[in-house]
Protein backbone atom coordinates (compact mmCIF):
# COMPACT_ATOMS: atom_id res chain seq x y z
CA MET A 1 6.62 1.44 -16.28
CA GLU A 2 5.61 3.72 -13.23
CA GLN A 3 8.41 4.38 -10.43
CA LEU A 4 8.02 2.56 -7.21
CA THR A 5 8.86 4.87 -4.19
CA ILE A 6 8.78 4.06 -0.36
CA ARG A 7 8.74 7.48 1.64
CA TYR A 8 9.53 7.47 5.44
CA ARG A 9 8.88 10.39 7.75
CA ILE A 10 10.44 10.04 11.12
CA HIS A 11 8.61 12.30 13.77
CA PRO A 12 10.21 13.70 16.95
CA ASP A 13 8.58 11.28 19.10
CA GLY A 14 9.67 8.20 17.36
CA ARG A 15 6.68 7.66 15.13
CA VAL A 16 7.24 6.51 11.55
CA ASP A 17 5.13 7.18 8.69
CA GLU A 18 5.38 5.12 5.57
CA LEU A 19 3.97 5.69 2.16
CA VAL A 20 4.22 3.44 -0.82
CA GLU A 21 3.61 4.99 -4.30
CA GLY A 22 3.50 3.45 -7.76
CA LEU A 23 2.17 0.15 -6.52
CA ASN A 24 -1.41 -1.03 -7.07
CA GLY A 25 -3.34 -3.26 -4.72
CA MET A 26 -2.32 -4.73 -1.31
CA ALA A 27 1.20 -5.85 -2.61
CA CYS A 28 2.64 -2.72 -0.66
CA GLU A 29 1.97 -4.79 2.50
CA GLN A 30 4.19 -7.59 1.17
CA LEU A 31 6.68 -5.21 -0.05
CA THR A 32 7.07 -3.67 3.33
CA GLU A 33 6.56 -6.48 5.86
CA ARG A 34 9.85 -6.97 6.62
CA ILE A 35 10.78 -3.46 7.12
CA GLU A 36 7.87 -2.85 9.42
CA ALA A 37 8.68 -5.74 11.32
CA ARG A 38 12.19 -4.26 12.19
CA LEU A 39 10.77 -1.04 12.94
CA GLY A 40 8.02 -2.16 15.60
CA VAL A 41 4.41 -2.46 16.17
CA VAL A 42 2.23 -1.20 13.27
CA GLN A 43 -0.20 1.07 15.21
CA GLN A 44 -2.39 2.15 12.22
CA ARG A 45 -2.58 1.56 8.54
CA ARG A 46 -4.32 3.88 6.23
CA LEU A 47 -4.87 2.68 2.71
CA THR A 48 -4.59 4.95 -0.14
CA ALA A 49 -6.74 4.94 -3.44
CA GLU A 50 -4.07 2.95 -5.22
CA ALA A 51 -4.63 0.01 -2.71
CA PHE A 52 -8.04 -0.51 -4.24
CA LEU A 53 -7.24 -0.20 -7.89
CA CYS A 54 -6.64 -4.23 -8.52
CA GLU A 55 -9.94 -4.88 -6.73
CA GLN A 56 -12.03 -2.41 -8.69
CA GLN A 57 -10.37 -3.54 -11.97
CA ALA A 58 -11.07 -7.21 -11.02
CA GLN A 59 -14.76 -6.31 -10.22
CA GLN A 60 -15.48 -4.26 -13.41
CA SER A 61 -14.01 -7.31 -15.60
CA GLN A 62 -16.40 -9.59 -13.73
CA VAL A 63 -19.42 -7.16 -14.41
CA GLN A 64 -18.35 -6.98 -18.06
CA SER A 65 -18.11 -10.48 -18.52
CA LEU A 66 -21.64 -11.04 -17.07
CA SER A 67 -22.97 -8.66 -19.54
């Protein structure tokens, strides 16, 4: 089982960067939603390649089942 890690970087101006590692798909949003609600307004969200893995795997399964 892969290790799940949440990393935070706090900038001098108060901005906070959050990075979730070891979790595929959009489950990272569910995992961090309570933390983000306490931190404040999410100004920007950039998805990593891991966020798209579950969707890609599901699409590949559908294509293979149609063949």
